[in-house]
Amino acid sequence: MKIVGILSAHDESPAWLAAAVTGFARVCDAIVYCEGAYALYPGARPRSHPAQAEAVMLACESADVECVIHRPKDVYFGNEVEKRNQTLRLAGALQPDWVMVFDADYHVMRCEPDVVRDMLEQTDCNVATYTLMDGMDVLAQDFTAELATQIDLSTEWTCRTRDIYRWTPDLSYGPAHFTVCGTYDGELQWVRGPELVKSGAPVPPACLLEAALVATHRTKDRAKIRRDAAAEYYANRDAAGLEVLVDDWALELAQ
């Protein structure tokens, strides 16, 4: 069984990239790293500083896994959906059985490779989840510090992220970057999307890796300039009317 890890990133810390790749390489056989900004991203350029690609390459070299690095000529005029579908095309060339998607701000804190592989080998599901842990230092700000003395304020919380997909040649993102579908056993199946039951499409069961693969999410630790740029991109995307899902979107696309 071959698992290909997919990392889509732009203008990230080389240290974060190395940590993310090193962590997921514990269970992946290959890593696909795709650079380049979305066209609507402020100051968009097609490639990041070379040190970032180098960090990914060296992390893959140290982990002894295959490495595909894509540094495009142009920005992604189709924005997030176009870029994520590019990562799938790159991964498909490696003939994976599963693809495992992760972000640069993920740091693997627990991984049991043999358990993960056994669960994916045995499952009949076409999608799997791993655990994402987030948190906050309640004492870092006066408001939350005071609040923590009055109520039970959690410092950590977790969620399951549906970011592991059984490979099928037509696996694709769209119409939004958080909706994924593919053809399995001759039928179109939405393996990720916003409450698929909304359109009558059943939510497919997922293989829950739970504690076998846990990553921390540290997006709040990004530099302010990076957070502001992301916020501007989302505002530009919303103003352009992109990735807006209408009622019964999945049903319409399946027809």
C-alpha atoms as a PDB file:
ATOM      1  CA  MET A   1       0.000   0.000   0.000  1.00  0.00           C
ATOM      2  CA  LYS A   2       1.332   3.419  -0.985  1.00  0.00           C
ATOM      3  CA  ILE A   3       0.368   6.594   0.882  1.00  0.00           C
ATOM      4  CA  VAL A   4       1.222   9.948  -0.678  1.00  0.00           C
ATOM      5  CA  GLY A   5       1.240  13.030   1.532  1.00  0.00           C
ATOM      6  CA  ILE A   6       0.109  16.293  -0.063  1.00  0.00           C
ATOM      7  CA  LEU A   7       1.246  19.712   1.142  1.00  0.00           C
ATOM      8  CA  SER A   8      -0.024  22.882  -0.526  1.00  0.00           C
ATOM      9  CA  ALA A   9       1.716  25.985   0.808  1.00  0.00           C
ATOM     10  CA  HIS A  10       2.902  29.504   0.069  1.00  0.00           C
ATOM     11  CA  ASP A  11       5.156  31.848   2.002  1.00  0.00           C
ATOM     12  CA  GLU A  12       5.529  29.625   5.059  1.00  0.00           C
ATOM     13  CA  SER A  13       8.274  29.227   7.641  1.00  0.00           C
ATOM     14  CA  PRO A  14      10.915  26.762   6.408  1.00  0.00           C
ATOM     15  CA  ALA A  15      11.075  25.380   9.953  1.00  0.00           C
ATOM     16  CA  TRP A  16       7.318  24.759   9.940  1.00  0.00           C
ATOM     17  CA  LEU A  17       7.485  23.117   6.519  1.00  0.00           C
ATOM     18  CA  ALA A  18      10.293  20.824   7.651  1.00  0.00           C
ATOM     19  CA  ALA A  19       8.402  19.879  10.819  1.00  0.00           C
ATOM     20  CA  ALA A  20       5.159  19.177   8.930  1.00  0.00           C
ATOM     21  CA  VAL A  21       6.874  17.035   6.305  1.00  0.00           C
ATOM     22  CA  THR A  22       8.982  15.152   8.835  1.00  0.00           C
ATOM     23  CA  GLY A  23       5.904  14.328  10.895  1.00  0.00           C
ATOM     24  CA  PHE A  24       3.697  13.066   8.072  1.00  0.00           C
ATOM     25  CA  ALA A  25       6.625  11.266   6.445  1.00  0.00           C
ATOM     26  CA  ARG A  26       6.437   8.866   9.390  1.00  0.00           C
ATOM     27  CA  VAL A  27       3.434   7.269   7.702  1.00  0.00           C
ATOM     28  CA  CYS A  28       3.703   8.469   4.072  1.00  0.00           C
ATOM     29  CA  ASP A  29       5.812   6.875   1.329  1.00  0.00           C
ATOM     30  CA  ALA A  30       6.046  10.073  -0.696  1.00  0.00           C
ATOM     31  CA  ILE A  31       5.432  13.787  -0.275  1.00  0.00           C
ATOM     32  CA  VAL A  32       4.049  16.163  -2.897  1.00  0.00           C
ATOM     33  CA  TYR A  33       4.794  19.814  -2.168  1.00  0.00           C
ATOM     34  CA  CYS A  34       3.074  22.453  -4.279  1.00  0.00           C
ATOM     35  CA  GLU A  35       4.013  26.135  -4.093  1.00  0.00           C
ATOM     36  CA  GLY A  36       2.434  29.230  -5.595  1.00  0.00           C
ATOM     37  CA  ALA A  37      -0.019  31.911  -4.540  1.00  0.00           C
ATOM     38  CA  TYR A  38      -3.666  32.222  -5.474  1.00  0.00           C
ATOM     39  CA  ALA A  39      -4.290  35.049  -7.946  1.00  0.00           C
ATOM     40  CA  LEU A  40      -6.462  36.909  -5.424  1.00  0.00           C
ATOM     41  CA  TYR A  41      -3.786  36.716  -2.718  1.00  0.00           C
ATOM     42  CA  PRO A  42      -2.189  40.146  -2.022  1.00  0.00           C
ATOM     43  CA  GLY A  43       1.185  40.481  -3.732  1.00  0.00           C
ATOM     44  CA  ALA A  44       0.669  37.094  -5.404  1.00  0.00           C
ATOM     45  CA  ARG A  45       3.723  35.482  -6.946  1.00  0.00           C
ATOM     46  CA  PRO A  46       4.163  31.984  -8.397  1.00  0.00           C
ATOM     47  CA  ARG A  47       6.966  30.799  -6.155  1.00  0.00           C
ATOM     48  CA  SER A  48       8.035  31.197  -2.538  1.00  0.00           C
ATOM     49  CA  HIS A  49      11.568  31.856  -1.307  1.00  0.00           C
ATOM     50  CA  PRO A  50      13.805  28.928  -2.399  1.00  0.00           C
ATOM     51  CA  ALA A  51      14.640  28.168   1.233  1.00  0.00           C
ATOM     52  CA  GLN A  52      11.122  26.821   1.661  1.00  0.00           C
ATOM     53  CA  ALA A  53      11.379  24.233  -1.111  1.00  0.00           C
ATOM     54  CA  GLU A  54      14.834  23.338   0.149  1.00  0.00           C
ATOM     55  CA  ALA A  55      13.453  22.694   3.635  1.00  0.00           C
ATOM     56  CA  VAL A  56      10.890  20.283   2.185  1.00  0.00           C
ATOM     57  CA  MET A  57      13.493  18.519   0.044  1.00  0.00           C
ATOM     58  CA  LEU A  58      15.904  18.050   2.950  1.00  0.00           C
ATOM     59  CA  ALA A  59      13.142  16.807   5.259  1.00  0.00           C
ATOM     60  CA  CYS A  60      12.118  14.224   2.662  1.00  0.00           C
ATOM     61  CA  GLU A  61      15.747  13.240   2.175  1.00  0.00           C
ATOM     62  CA  SER A  62      16.205  12.718   5.914  1.00  0.00           C
ATOM     63  CA  ALA A  63      12.992  10.679   6.132  1.00  0.00           C
ATOM     64  CA  ASP A  64      13.953   8.648   3.042  1.00  0.00           C
ATOM     65  CA  VAL A  65      10.668   9.236   1.198  1.00  0.00           C
ATOM     66  CA  GLU A  66       9.936  10.194  -2.394  1.00  0.00           C
ATOM     67  CA  CYS A  67       9.642  13.916  -2.979  1.00  0.00           C
ATOM     68  CA  VAL A  68       7.872  15.891  -5.690  1.00  0.00           C
ATOM     69  CA  ILE A  69       8.294  19.665  -5.548  1.00  0.00           C
ATOM     70  CA  HIS A  70       6.230  21.857  -7.857  1.00  0.00           C
ATOM     71  CA  ARG A  71       7.252  25.496  -8.285  1.00  0.00           C
ATOM     72  CA  PRO A  72       4.874  26.859 -10.952  1.00  0.00           C
ATOM     73  CA  LYS A  73       5.513  29.494 -13.578  1.00  0.00           C
ATOM     74  CA  ASP A  74       2.313  31.411 -12.880  1.00  0.00           C
ATOM     75  CA  VAL A  75      -0.006  32.102  -9.964  1.00  0.00           C
ATOM     76  CA  TYR A  76      -3.201  30.069  -9.679  1.00  0.00           C
ATOM     77  CA  PHE A  77      -5.903  32.016 -11.471  1.00  0.00           C
ATOM     78  CA  GLY A  78      -8.393  29.373 -10.320  1.00  0.00           C
ATOM     79  CA  ASN A  79      -7.226  30.098  -6.771  1.00  0.00           C
ATOM     80  CA  GLU A  80      -7.620  27.379  -4.103  1.00  0.00           C
ATOM     81  CA  VAL A  81      -9.580  24.856  -6.149  1.00  0.00           C
ATOM     82  CA  GLU A  82      -7.135  24.984  -9.057  1.00  0.00           C
ATOM     83  CA  LYS A  83      -4.107  24.614  -6.809  1.00  0.00           C
ATOM     84  CA  ARG A  84      -5.518  21.709  -4.827  1.00  0.00           C
ATOM     85  CA  ASN A  85      -6.453  19.885  -8.016  1.00  0.00           C
ATOM     86  CA  GLN A  86      -2.896  20.438  -9.211  1.00  0.00           C
ATOM     87  CA  THR A  87      -1.647  18.627  -6.109  1.00  0.00           C
ATOM     88  CA  LEU A  88      -3.896  15.670  -6.934  1.00  0.00           C
ATOM     89  CA  ARG A  89      -2.546  15.470 -10.495  1.00  0.00           C
ATOM     90  CA  LEU A  90       0.995  15.449  -9.136  1.00  0.00           C
ATOM     91  CA  ALA A  91       0.107  12.787  -6.561  1.00  0.00           C
ATOM     92  CA  GLY A  92      -1.640  10.643  -9.166  1.00  0.00           C
ATOM     93  CA  ALA A  93       1.601  10.252 -11.097  1.00  0.00           C
ATOM     94  CA  LEU A  94       3.004   8.396  -8.071  1.00  0.00           C
ATOM     95  CA  GLN A  95       0.216   5.784  -8.251  1.00  0.00           C
ATOM     96  CA  PRO A  96      -1.002   6.072  -4.656  1.00  0.00           C
ATOM     97  CA  ASP A  97      -3.521   3.905  -2.866  1.00  0.00           C
ATOM     98  CA  TRP A  98      -4.316   6.742  -0.463  1.00  0.00           C
ATOM     99  CA  VAL A  99      -3.541  10.468  -0.390  1.00  0.00           C
ATOM    100  CA  MET A 100      -3.110  12.268   2.923  1.00  0.00           C
ATOM    101  CA  VAL A 101      -3.547  16.048   2.847  1.00  0.00           C
ATOM    102  CA  PHE A 102      -1.953  18.317   5.452  1.00  0.00           C
ATOM    103  CA  ASP A 103      -1.012  21.967   5.929  1.00  0.00           C
ATOM    104  CA  ALA A 104       2.233  23.703   6.782  1.00  0.00           C
ATOM    105  CA  ASP A 105       0.960  24.702  10.219  1.00  0.00           C
ATOM    106  CA  TYR A 106       0.340  21.085  11.253  1.00  0.00           C
ATOM    107  CA  HIS A 107       2.841  19.433  13.560  1.00  0.00           C
ATOM    108  CA  VAL A 108       2.501  15.691  14.136  1.00  0.00           C
ATOM    109  CA  MET A 109       2.663  15.018  17.851  1.00  0.00           C
ATOM    110  CA  ARG A 110       1.611  11.368  17.755  1.00  0.00           C
ATOM    111  CA  CYS A 111       1.819   8.792  14.999  1.00  0.00           C
ATOM    112  CA  GLU A 112       1.541   5.016  14.991  1.00  0.00           C
ATOM    113  CA  PRO A 113       2.453   4.150  11.383  1.00  0.00           C
ATOM    114  CA  ASP A 114       1.706   0.432  11.620  1.00  0.00           C
ATOM    115  CA  VAL A 115      -1.722   1.086  13.116  1.00  0.00           C
ATOM    116  CA  VAL A 116      -2.559   3.738  10.509  1.00  0.00           C
ATOM    117  CA  ARG A 117      -1.514   1.481   7.649  1.00  0.00           C
ATOM    118  CA  ASP A 118      -3.378  -1.510   9.029  1.00  0.00           C
ATOM    119  CA  MET A 119      -6.564   0.507   9.509  1.00  0.00           C
ATOM    120  CA  LEU A 120      -6.408   1.924   5.978  1.00  0.00           C
ATOM    121  CA  GLU A 121      -5.640  -1.523   4.580  1.00  0.00           C
ATOM    122  CA  GLN A 122      -8.619  -3.111   6.312  1.00  0.00           C
ATOM    123  CA  THR A 123     -11.281  -0.420   5.918  1.00  0.00           C
ATOM    124  CA  ASP A 124     -14.025  -0.422   3.313  1.00  0.00           C
ATOM    125  CA  CYS A 125     -14.355   3.370   3.657  1.00  0.00           C
ATOM    126  CA  ASN A 126     -13.087   5.705   0.953  1.00  0.00           C
ATOM    127  CA  VAL A 127     -12.213   8.504   3.357  1.00  0.00           C
ATOM    128  CA  ALA A 128     -10.405   8.602   6.685  1.00  0.00           C
ATOM    129  CA  THR A 129      -9.900  11.179   9.405  1.00  0.00           C
ATOM    130  CA  TYR A 130      -6.987  12.076  11.600  1.00  0.00           C
ATOM    131  CA  THR A 131      -7.141  14.123  14.776  1.00  0.00           C
ATOM    132  CA  LEU A 132      -6.319  17.805  14.812  1.00  0.00           C
ATOM    133  CA  MET A 133      -5.572  19.447  18.155  1.00  0.00           C
ATOM    134  CA  ASP A 134      -5.904  23.166  18.722  1.00  0.00           C
ATOM    135  CA  GLY A 135      -5.613  25.265  21.852  1.00  0.00           C
ATOM    136  CA  MET A 136      -4.891  28.546  23.504  1.00  0.00           C
ATOM    137  CA  ASP A 137      -2.954  29.980  26.418  1.00  0.00           C
ATOM    138  CA  VAL A 138      -5.752  31.429  28.546  1.00  0.00           C
ATOM    139  CA  LEU A 139      -3.229  33.357  30.636  1.00  0.00           C
ATOM    140  CA  ALA A 140      -1.768  35.176  27.627  1.00  0.00           C
ATOM    141  CA  GLN A 141      -4.454  37.873  27.616  1.00  0.00           C
ATOM    142  CA  ASP A 142      -6.034  39.691  30.539  1.00  0.00           C
ATOM    143  CA  PHE A 143      -9.563  39.037  29.310  1.00  0.00           C
ATOM    144  CA  THR A 144      -9.195  35.265  28.985  1.00  0.00           C
ATOM    145  CA  ALA A 145      -7.110  35.041  32.157  1.00  0.00           C
ATOM    146  CA  GLU A 146      -9.901  36.698  34.138  1.00  0.00           C
ATOM    147  CA  LEU A 147     -12.539  34.575  32.399  1.00  0.00           C
ATOM    148  CA  ALA A 148     -10.638  31.390  33.248  1.00  0.00           C
ATOM    149  CA  THR A 149     -11.021  32.123  36.969  1.00  0.00           C
ATOM    150  CA  GLN A 150     -14.815  32.185  36.584  1.00  0.00           C
ATOM    151  CA  ILE A 151     -15.717  29.438  34.096  1.00  0.00           C
ATOM    152  CA  ASP A 152     -14.282  26.199  32.770  1.00  0.00           C
ATOM    153  CA  LEU A 153     -12.354  27.571  29.810  1.00  0.00           C
ATOM    154  CA  SER A 154     -10.738  24.831  27.729  1.00  0.00           C
ATOM    155  CA  THR A 155      -7.100  25.233  26.819  1.00  0.00           C
ATOM    156  CA  GLU A 156      -7.167  22.379  24.292  1.00  0.00           C
ATOM    157  CA  TRP A 157      -9.746  20.929  21.924  1.00  0.00           C
ATOM    158  CA  THR A 158      -9.712  18.449  19.073  1.00  0.00           C
ATOM    159  CA  CYS A 159     -11.571  17.733  15.861  1.00  0.00           C
ATOM    160  CA  ARG A 160     -11.519  15.068  13.174  1.00  0.00           C
ATOM    161  CA  THR A 161     -10.394  16.292   9.779  1.00  0.00           C
ATOM    162  CA  ARG A 162     -11.513  14.351   6.680  1.00  0.00           C
ATOM    163  CA  ASP A 163      -8.256  14.752   4.771  1.00  0.00           C
ATOM    164  CA  ILE A 164      -7.303  11.188   3.817  1.00  0.00           C
ATOM    165  CA  TYR A 165      -8.814   9.861   0.592  1.00  0.00           C
ATOM    166  CA  ARG A 166      -8.704   6.520  -1.147  1.00  0.00           C
ATOM    167  CA  TRP A 167      -7.213   7.188  -4.544  1.00  0.00           C
ATOM    168  CA  THR A 168      -9.414   7.145  -7.608  1.00  0.00           C
ATOM    169  CA  PRO A 169      -8.351   8.692 -10.947  1.00  0.00           C
ATOM    170  CA  ASP A 170     -11.075  11.355 -10.960  1.00  0.00           C
ATOM    171  CA  LEU A 171     -10.608  12.452  -7.340  1.00  0.00           C
ATOM    172  CA  SER A 172     -11.023  16.213  -7.375  1.00  0.00           C
ATOM    173  CA  TYR A 173     -11.783  19.366  -5.419  1.00  0.00           C
ATOM    174  CA  GLY A 174     -14.651  21.669  -6.310  1.00  0.00           C
ATOM    175  CA  PRO A 175     -16.715  23.708  -6.428  1.00  0.00           C
ATOM    176  CA  ALA A 176     -15.027  24.768  -3.169  1.00  0.00           C
ATOM    177  CA  HIS A 177     -11.622  23.917  -1.727  1.00  0.00           C
ATOM    178  CA  PHE A 178     -13.324  21.990   1.084  1.00  0.00           C
ATOM    179  CA  THR A 179     -15.473  19.760  -1.163  1.00  0.00           C
ATOM    180  CA  VAL A 180     -13.960  16.569  -2.573  1.00  0.00           C
ATOM    181  CA  CYS A 181     -15.507  13.870  -4.721  1.00  0.00           C
ATOM    182  CA  GLY A 182     -14.501  10.822  -6.724  1.00  0.00           C
ATOM    183  CA  THR A 183     -15.974   7.798  -8.447  1.00  0.00           C
ATOM    184  CA  TYR A 184     -15.936   4.610  -6.399  1.00  0.00           C
ATOM    185  CA  ASP A 185     -17.499   1.364  -7.628  1.00  0.00           C
ATOM    186  CA  GLY A 186     -19.044   3.238 -10.527  1.00  0.00           C
ATOM    187  CA  GLU A 187     -20.770   5.893  -8.428  1.00  0.00           C
ATOM    188  CA  LEU A 188     -19.870   9.482  -7.644  1.00  0.00           C
ATOM    189  CA  GLN A 189     -19.237   9.899  -3.928  1.00  0.00           C
ATOM    190  CA  TRP A 190     -18.674  13.129  -2.019  1.00  0.00           C
ATOM    191  CA  VAL A 191     -16.027  12.223   0.539  1.00  0.00           C
ATOM    192  CA  ARG A 192     -15.759  15.710   1.982  1.00  0.00           C
ATOM    193  CA  GLY A 193     -18.134  18.651   2.020  1.00  0.00           C
ATOM    194  CA  PRO A 194     -20.345  20.870   4.147  1.00  0.00           C
ATOM    195  CA  GLU A 195     -23.018  18.639   5.630  1.00  0.00           C
ATOM    196  CA  LEU A 196     -23.773  16.612   2.528  1.00  0.00           C
ATOM    197  CA  VAL A 197     -27.149  15.612   3.939  1.00  0.00           C
ATOM    198  CA  LYS A 198     -28.258  19.147   3.099  1.00  0.00           C
ATOM    199  CA  SER A 199     -28.767  18.064  -0.507  1.00  0.00           C
ATOM    200  CA  GLY A 200     -29.943  14.560   0.244  1.00  0.00           C
ATOM    201  CA  ALA A 201     -26.520  13.045  -0.416  1.00  0.00           C
ATOM    202  CA  PRO A 202     -25.581  10.753   2.490  1.00  0.00           C
ATOM    203  CA  VAL A 203     -22.390  11.501   4.375  1.00  0.00           C
ATOM    204  CA  PRO A 204     -20.108   8.543   3.643  1.00  0.00           C
ATOM    205  CA  PRO A 205     -18.648   6.762   6.656  1.00  0.00           C
ATOM    206  CA  ALA A 206     -15.025   7.491   7.476  1.00  0.00           C
ATOM    207  CA  CYS A 207     -12.251   5.380   8.919  1.00  0.00           C
ATOM    208  CA  LEU A 208     -11.434   7.145  12.189  1.00  0.00           C
ATOM    209  CA  LEU A 209      -7.721   7.007  12.920  1.00  0.00           C
ATOM    210  CA  GLU A 210      -8.263   8.830  16.221  1.00  0.00           C
ATOM    211  CA  ALA A 211      -5.155   8.636  18.442  1.00  0.00           C
ATOM    212  CA  ALA A 212      -3.141   6.756  15.810  1.00  0.00           C
ATOM    213  CA  LEU A 213      -2.437  10.068  14.049  1.00  0.00           C
ATOM    214  CA  VAL A 214      -2.665  13.382  15.911  1.00  0.00           C
ATOM    215  CA  ALA A 215      -1.382  16.755  14.750  1.00  0.00           C
ATOM    216  CA  THR A 216      -1.403  20.127  16.463  1.00  0.00           C
ATOM    217  CA  HIS A 217      -2.696  23.155  14.584  1.00  0.00           C
ATOM    218  CA  ARG A 218      -0.691  26.301  15.180  1.00  0.00           C
ATOM    219  CA  THR A 219      -2.132  28.781  12.709  1.00  0.00           C
ATOM    220  CA  LYS A 220      -2.544  31.372  15.501  1.00  0.00           C
ATOM    221  CA  ASP A 221       1.248  31.474  15.801  1.00  0.00           C
ATOM    222  CA  ARG A 222       1.730  32.886  12.308  1.00  0.00           C
ATOM    223  CA  ALA A 223       3.167  36.383  11.933  1.00  0.00           C
ATOM    224  CA  LYS A 224       0.615  39.200  11.832  1.00  0.00           C
ATOM    225  CA  ILE A 225       1.579  40.165   8.284  1.00  0.00           C
ATOM    226  CA  ARG A 226       0.821  36.610   7.152  1.00  0.00           C
ATOM    227  CA  ARG A 227      -2.533  36.523   8.959  1.00  0.00           C
ATOM    228  CA  ASP A 228      -3.495  39.893   7.491  1.00  0.00           C
ATOM    229  CA  ALA A 229      -2.629  38.720   3.975  1.00  0.00           C
ATOM    230  CA  ALA A 230      -4.796  35.635   4.417  1.00  0.00           C
ATOM    231  CA  ALA A 231      -7.697  37.757   5.674  1.00  0.00           C
ATOM    232  CA  GLU A 232      -7.379  40.026   2.633  1.00  0.00           C
ATOM    233  CA  TYR A 233      -7.418  37.011   0.335  1.00  0.00           C
ATOM    234  CA  TYR A 234     -10.606  35.667   1.907  1.00  0.00           C
ATOM    235  CA  ALA A 235     -12.204  39.091   1.538  1.00  0.00           C
ATOM    236  CA  ASN A 236     -11.190  39.202  -2.130  1.00  0.00           C
ATOM    237  CA  ARG A 237     -12.532  35.686  -2.668  1.00  0.00           C
ATOM    238  CA  ASP A 238     -15.855  36.536  -1.062  1.00  0.00           C
ATOM    239  CA  ALA A 239     -16.140  39.761  -3.069  1.00  0.00           C
ATOM    240  CA  ALA A 240     -15.559  37.767  -6.264  1.00  0.00           C
ATOM    241  CA  GLY A 241     -18.340  35.374  -5.294  1.00  0.00           C
ATOM    242  CA  LEU A 242     -16.092  32.319  -5.424  1.00  0.00           C
ATOM    243  CA  GLU A 243     -16.770  29.043  -3.622  1.00  0.00           C
ATOM    244  CA  VAL A 244     -20.340  29.993  -2.791  1.00  0.00           C
ATOM    245  CA  LEU A 245     -22.390  26.823  -2.470  1.00  0.00           C
ATOM    246  CA  VAL A 246     -26.034  27.046  -3.403  1.00  0.00           C
ATOM    247  CA  ASP A 247     -28.746  24.810  -1.973  1.00  0.00           C
ATOM    248  CA  ASP A 248     -28.640  21.273  -3.350  1.00  0.00           C
ATOM    249  CA  TRP A 249     -25.198  21.897  -4.875  1.00  0.00           C
ATOM    250  CA  ALA A 250     -24.093  18.284  -4.595  1.00  0.00           C
ATOM    251  CA  LEU A 251     -27.295  17.005  -6.142  1.00  0.00           C
ATOM    252  CA  GLU A 252     -26.964  19.409  -9.063  1.00  0.00           C
ATOM    253  CA  LEU A 253     -23.332  18.511  -9.723  1.00  0.00           C
ATOM    254  CA  ALA A 254     -24.064  14.801  -9.629  1.00  0.00           C
ATOM    255  CA  GLN A 255     -26.712  15.079 -12.370  1.00  0.00           C
END
